[in-house]
Protein backbone atom coordinates (compact mmCIF):
# COMPACT_ATOMS: atom_id res chain seq x y z
CA MET A 1 -17.72 15.31 -7.93
CA ASP A 2 -19.16 13.59 -4.86
CA PHE A 3 -16.82 13.30 -1.86
CA GLU A 4 -19.52 11.92 0.44
CA MET A 5 -18.19 8.36 0.86
CA PRO A 6 -18.28 7.39 4.56
CA LEU A 7 -14.86 7.75 6.13
CA ARG A 8 -14.81 4.18 7.42
CA GLU A 9 -15.51 2.81 3.94
CA ALA A 10 -12.74 4.94 2.44
CA MET A 11 -10.26 3.81 5.10
CA GLU A 12 -11.16 0.11 4.89
CA THR A 13 -10.96 -0.03 1.09
CA GLN A 14 -8.06 2.31 0.38
CA ARG A 15 -5.08 0.70 -1.29
CA ALA A 16 -2.20 1.71 -3.54
CA ILE A 17 -3.53 1.84 -7.11
CA ARG A 18 -0.56 1.72 -9.50
CA ARG A 19 -2.19 0.72 -12.79
CA LEU A 20 -3.88 3.85 -14.15
CA LYS A 21 -5.80 4.76 -17.28
CA THR A 22 -4.55 7.62 -19.44
CA ASP A 23 -7.96 9.34 -19.31
CA PRO A 24 -7.64 12.97 -18.15
CA VAL A 25 -8.44 14.13 -14.63
CA ASP A 26 -10.02 17.58 -14.42
CA ASP A 27 -8.12 20.37 -12.69
CA GLU A 28 -11.19 21.04 -10.57
CA VAL A 29 -10.97 17.53 -9.10
CA VAL A 30 -7.22 17.77 -8.47
CA LEU A 31 -7.56 21.13 -6.76
CA ARG A 32 -10.38 19.81 -4.58
CA LEU A 33 -8.18 16.88 -3.53
CA ILE A 34 -5.44 19.29 -2.54
CA ASP A 35 -7.90 21.55 -0.74
CA LEU A 36 -8.98 18.59 1.38
CA ALA A 37 -5.32 17.67 1.93
CA LEU A 38 -4.71 21.13 3.37
CA ARG A 39 -7.24 20.48 6.14
CA ALA A 40 -4.73 18.18 7.83
CA PRO A 41 -2.88 19.23 10.99
CA THR A 42 0.62 20.59 10.63
CA ALA A 43 3.42 21.43 13.08
CA SER A 44 2.82 24.80 14.76
CA ASN A 45 0.07 25.36 12.18
CA ALA A 46 2.87 26.62 9.91
CA GLN A 47 1.15 25.32 6.74
CA ARG A 48 4.41 25.11 4.84
CA TRP A 49 2.99 22.91 2.10
CA GLU A 50 3.61 23.26 -1.61
CA PHE A 51 1.99 20.97 -4.19
CA ILE A 52 3.28 20.71 -7.75
CA VAL A 53 0.66 19.40 -10.22
CA VAL A 54 2.59 17.96 -13.14
CA ARG A 55 0.84 17.54 -16.49
CA ASP A 56 3.60 18.56 -18.91
CA PRO A 57 4.70 15.41 -20.81
CA LYS A 58 8.36 16.45 -20.77
CA ILE A 59 8.38 16.96 -17.00
CA LYS A 60 6.50 13.71 -16.40
CA LYS A 61 9.00 11.89 -18.59
CA ALA A 62 11.91 13.36 -16.62
CA ILE A 63 10.37 12.24 -13.30
CA ALA A 64 9.68 8.80 -14.78
CA ARG A 65 13.33 8.53 -15.81
CA LEU A 66 14.44 9.21 -12.24
CA ASN A 67 11.98 6.61 -10.99
CA ARG A 68 13.25 3.93 -13.37
CA GLN A 69 16.90 4.61 -12.60
CA LEU A 70 16.54 3.49 -8.99
CA TRP A 71 13.74 1.01 -9.63
CA ARG A 72 16.02 -1.10 -11.83
CA LEU A 73 18.14 -1.83 -8.77
CA TYR A 74 15.14 -2.37 -6.50
CA ALA A 75 13.51 -4.67 -9.06
CA ARG A 76 16.54 -6.97 -9.28
CA ILE A 77 16.66 -7.26 -5.51
CA GLY A 78 12.88 -7.71 -5.34
CA ARG A 79 12.78 -10.49 -7.93
CA TRP A 80 15.37 -12.45 -5.98
CA ALA A 81 13.73 -11.78 -2.60
CA THR A 82 10.24 -12.79 -3.81
CA ARG A 83 11.22 -15.79 -5.93
CA HIS A 84 9.27 -18.14 -3.61
CA ASN A 85 6.42 -15.77 -2.71
CA ALA A 86 3.67 -15.49 -5.31
CA LYS A 87 1.78 -12.77 -3.44
CA ARG A 88 4.84 -10.54 -3.18
CA ARG A 89 5.57 -11.25 -6.84
CA ARG A 90 2.16 -9.83 -7.79
CA LEU A 91 2.94 -6.68 -5.84
CA LEU A 92 6.31 -6.43 -7.56
CA ALA A 93 4.57 -6.77 -10.93
CA ALA A 94 2.27 -3.86 -10.08
CA VAL A 95 5.20 -1.63 -9.13
CA GLN A 96 6.99 -2.69 -12.32
CA TRP A 97 3.91 -1.75 -14.34
CA GLN A 98 3.86 1.65 -12.68
CA ALA A 99 7.54 2.17 -13.47
CA ASP A 100 7.02 1.19 -17.11
CA HIS A 101 4.05 3.56 -17.50
CA PHE A 102 4.97 6.32 -15.04
CA GLU A 103 4.90 9.19 -17.53
CA GLU A 104 1.51 8.05 -18.85
CA SER A 105 -0.17 8.99 -15.56
CA PRO A 106 -2.62 11.84 -16.28
CA VAL A 107 -1.31 13.75 -13.27
CA ILE A 108 1.77 13.43 -11.10
CA LEU A 109 1.48 15.28 -7.79
CA VAL A 110 4.61 16.21 -5.89
CA ALA A 111 4.01 17.16 -2.26
CA CYS A 112 6.68 19.50 -0.89
CA LEU A 113 7.52 21.37 2.28
CA LYS A 114 9.12 24.76 2.75
CA GLY A 115 12.00 25.09 5.16
CA THR A 116 14.97 22.93 6.02
CA TYR A 117 15.79 20.20 8.50
CA ILE A 118 18.91 18.52 9.86
CA PRO A 119 18.90 15.00 8.37
CA PHE A 120 21.28 13.57 10.98
CA PHE A 121 18.93 14.32 13.89
CA HIS A 122 15.92 12.01 14.08
CA ILE A 123 13.66 14.52 15.83
CA SER A 124 14.40 17.11 13.14
CA ALA A 125 13.48 14.76 10.30
CA ALA A 126 10.46 13.32 12.13
CA SER A 127 9.09 16.79 12.92
CA TYR A 128 9.71 18.04 9.40
CA PHE A 129 8.09 15.18 7.48
CA GLY A 130 5.37 14.88 10.09
CA SER A 131 3.97 18.08 8.64
CA ILE A 132 3.38 16.63 5.15
CA PHE A 133 2.25 13.03 5.62
CA PRO A 134 -1.09 13.83 7.32
CA ALA A 135 -1.92 16.03 4.33
CA VAL A 136 -0.86 13.28 1.92
CA GLN A 137 -3.10 10.76 3.69
CA ASN A 138 -6.01 13.22 3.48
CA LEU A 139 -5.38 13.46 -0.25
CA LEU A 140 -5.23 9.68 -0.69
CA LEU A 141 -8.51 9.22 1.21
CA ALA A 142 -10.15 11.96 -0.84
CA ALA A 143 -8.97 10.24 -4.03
CA ARG A 144 -10.46 6.97 -2.79
CA ALA A 145 -13.77 8.72 -2.07
CA VAL A 146 -14.16 9.60 -5.75
CA ASN A 147 -12.61 6.34 -7.05
CA LEU A 148 -9.43 7.95 -8.33
CA GLY A 149 -6.37 5.73 -8.29
CA ALA A 150 -3.33 6.98 -6.39
CA ALA A 151 -0.17 5.57 -4.85
CA LEU A 152 2.46 7.22 -2.68
CA THR A 153 6.05 6.70 -3.82
CA THR A 154 9.40 8.23 -2.92
CA ILE A 155 11.59 6.37 -5.42
CA PRO A 156 11.94 9.34 -7.84
CA LEU A 157 13.30 11.44 -4.96
CA TRP A 158 16.55 9.49 -4.71
CA ASN A 159 18.21 12.33 -6.66
CA LEU A 160 17.00 15.52 -4.98
CA LEU A 161 19.25 17.74 -7.09
CA ALA A 162 17.70 16.42 -10.28
CA MET A 163 14.15 16.64 -8.93
CA ARG A 164 14.67 20.23 -7.84
CA ARG A 165 15.99 21.09 -11.27
CA ILE A 166 13.14 19.32 -13.08
CA LEU A 167 10.47 21.13 -11.05
CA GLY A 168 12.30 24.46 -10.69
CA LEU A 169 12.17 24.23 -6.90
CA PRO A 170 14.07 26.77 -4.80
CA TRP A 171 16.46 25.43 -2.17
CA ASN A 172 14.02 26.11 0.67
CA VAL A 173 11.33 23.84 -0.84
CA THR A 174 11.89 20.09 -0.45
CA PRO A 175 9.97 17.45 -2.45
CA CYS A 176 8.75 14.78 -0.03
CA VAL A 177 6.29 12.52 -1.85
CA VAL A 178 5.37 11.72 -5.45
CA ILE A 179 1.80 10.59 -6.22
CA PRO A 180 0.80 9.40 -9.72
CA LEU A 181 -2.93 10.04 -10.02
CA GLY A 182 -5.56 8.81 -12.46
CA TRP A 183 -8.60 6.64 -13.01
CA PRO A 184 -7.80 3.05 -12.03
CA LEU A 185 -7.49 0.15 -14.45
CA GLY A 186 -8.29 -2.15 -11.55
CA ARG A 187 -10.60 -1.57 -8.64
CA TYR A 188 -10.58 -0.71 -4.98
CA GLY A 189 -11.66 -3.32 -2.49
CA PRO A 190 -11.33 -4.45 1.13
CA THR A 191 -7.71 -4.50 2.27
CA THR A 192 -6.06 -7.36 4.13
CA ARG A 193 -4.03 -6.31 7.15
CA ARG A 194 -2.48 -7.97 10.20
CA PRO A 195 -4.80 -8.29 13.23
CA VAL A 196 -4.57 -5.36 15.61
CA HIS A 197 -3.44 -7.54 18.52
CA GLU A 198 -0.30 -8.47 16.56
CA VAL A 199 0.92 -4.90 16.23
CA VAL A 200 -0.17 -3.31 19.54
CA SER A 201 1.72 -3.34 22.83
CA PHE A 202 0.52 -1.84 26.11
CA ASP A 203 3.09 0.22 28.04
CA ARG A 204 6.14 -1.76 26.85
CA PHE A 205 6.97 -3.55 23.63
CA GLY A 206 5.72 -7.12 23.52
CA ASN A 207 2.89 -6.72 26.04
CA ARG A 208 0.20 -7.71 23.54
CA PRO A 209 -3.57 -7.47 24.08
CA ALA A 210 -5.63 -10.66 23.94
CA ALA A 211 -6.62 -11.82 20.47
């Protein structure tokens, strides 16, 4: 498997791929993705990652059930909020497709962290989750480099007790991100984003650079 795609190309064409084929993904490829994920920086170089690679149909079905339980509420709100926005409706349709076919994903990756944090203190939560998201982004870019479809979601994590039970996680391991992974039904392509001058401020908020 060739991971030699230029970094700029991977970054400029990466997008959430939610519609996936059921074709299998080799363990060798999945493990290589995770190996590249582990090259990311982490707080104090603690390397407290844990990755659960889910292939068991019963476990995938249980995670899919959790996802749909909360998505039903989100979907009702989303349909009302996007009733006049065709572009947002297309995005909603993609997320709905993912929810309907969640357990059909060849692989579901669950990125976890060891240790605990105090959820009521922002710096505690920011420091804790800051040690997993760089690794997740590495993984997503690596998936893009070999044309694997992937999308980060946290919806199934709304019930942490259930997720811990489904995956057999000890109390000192927290699931942080769920990533369905497979070969895409669609395709990658250039992404459309807001211009940089609309999201950057110098020194204080609102001091925008020239367009």
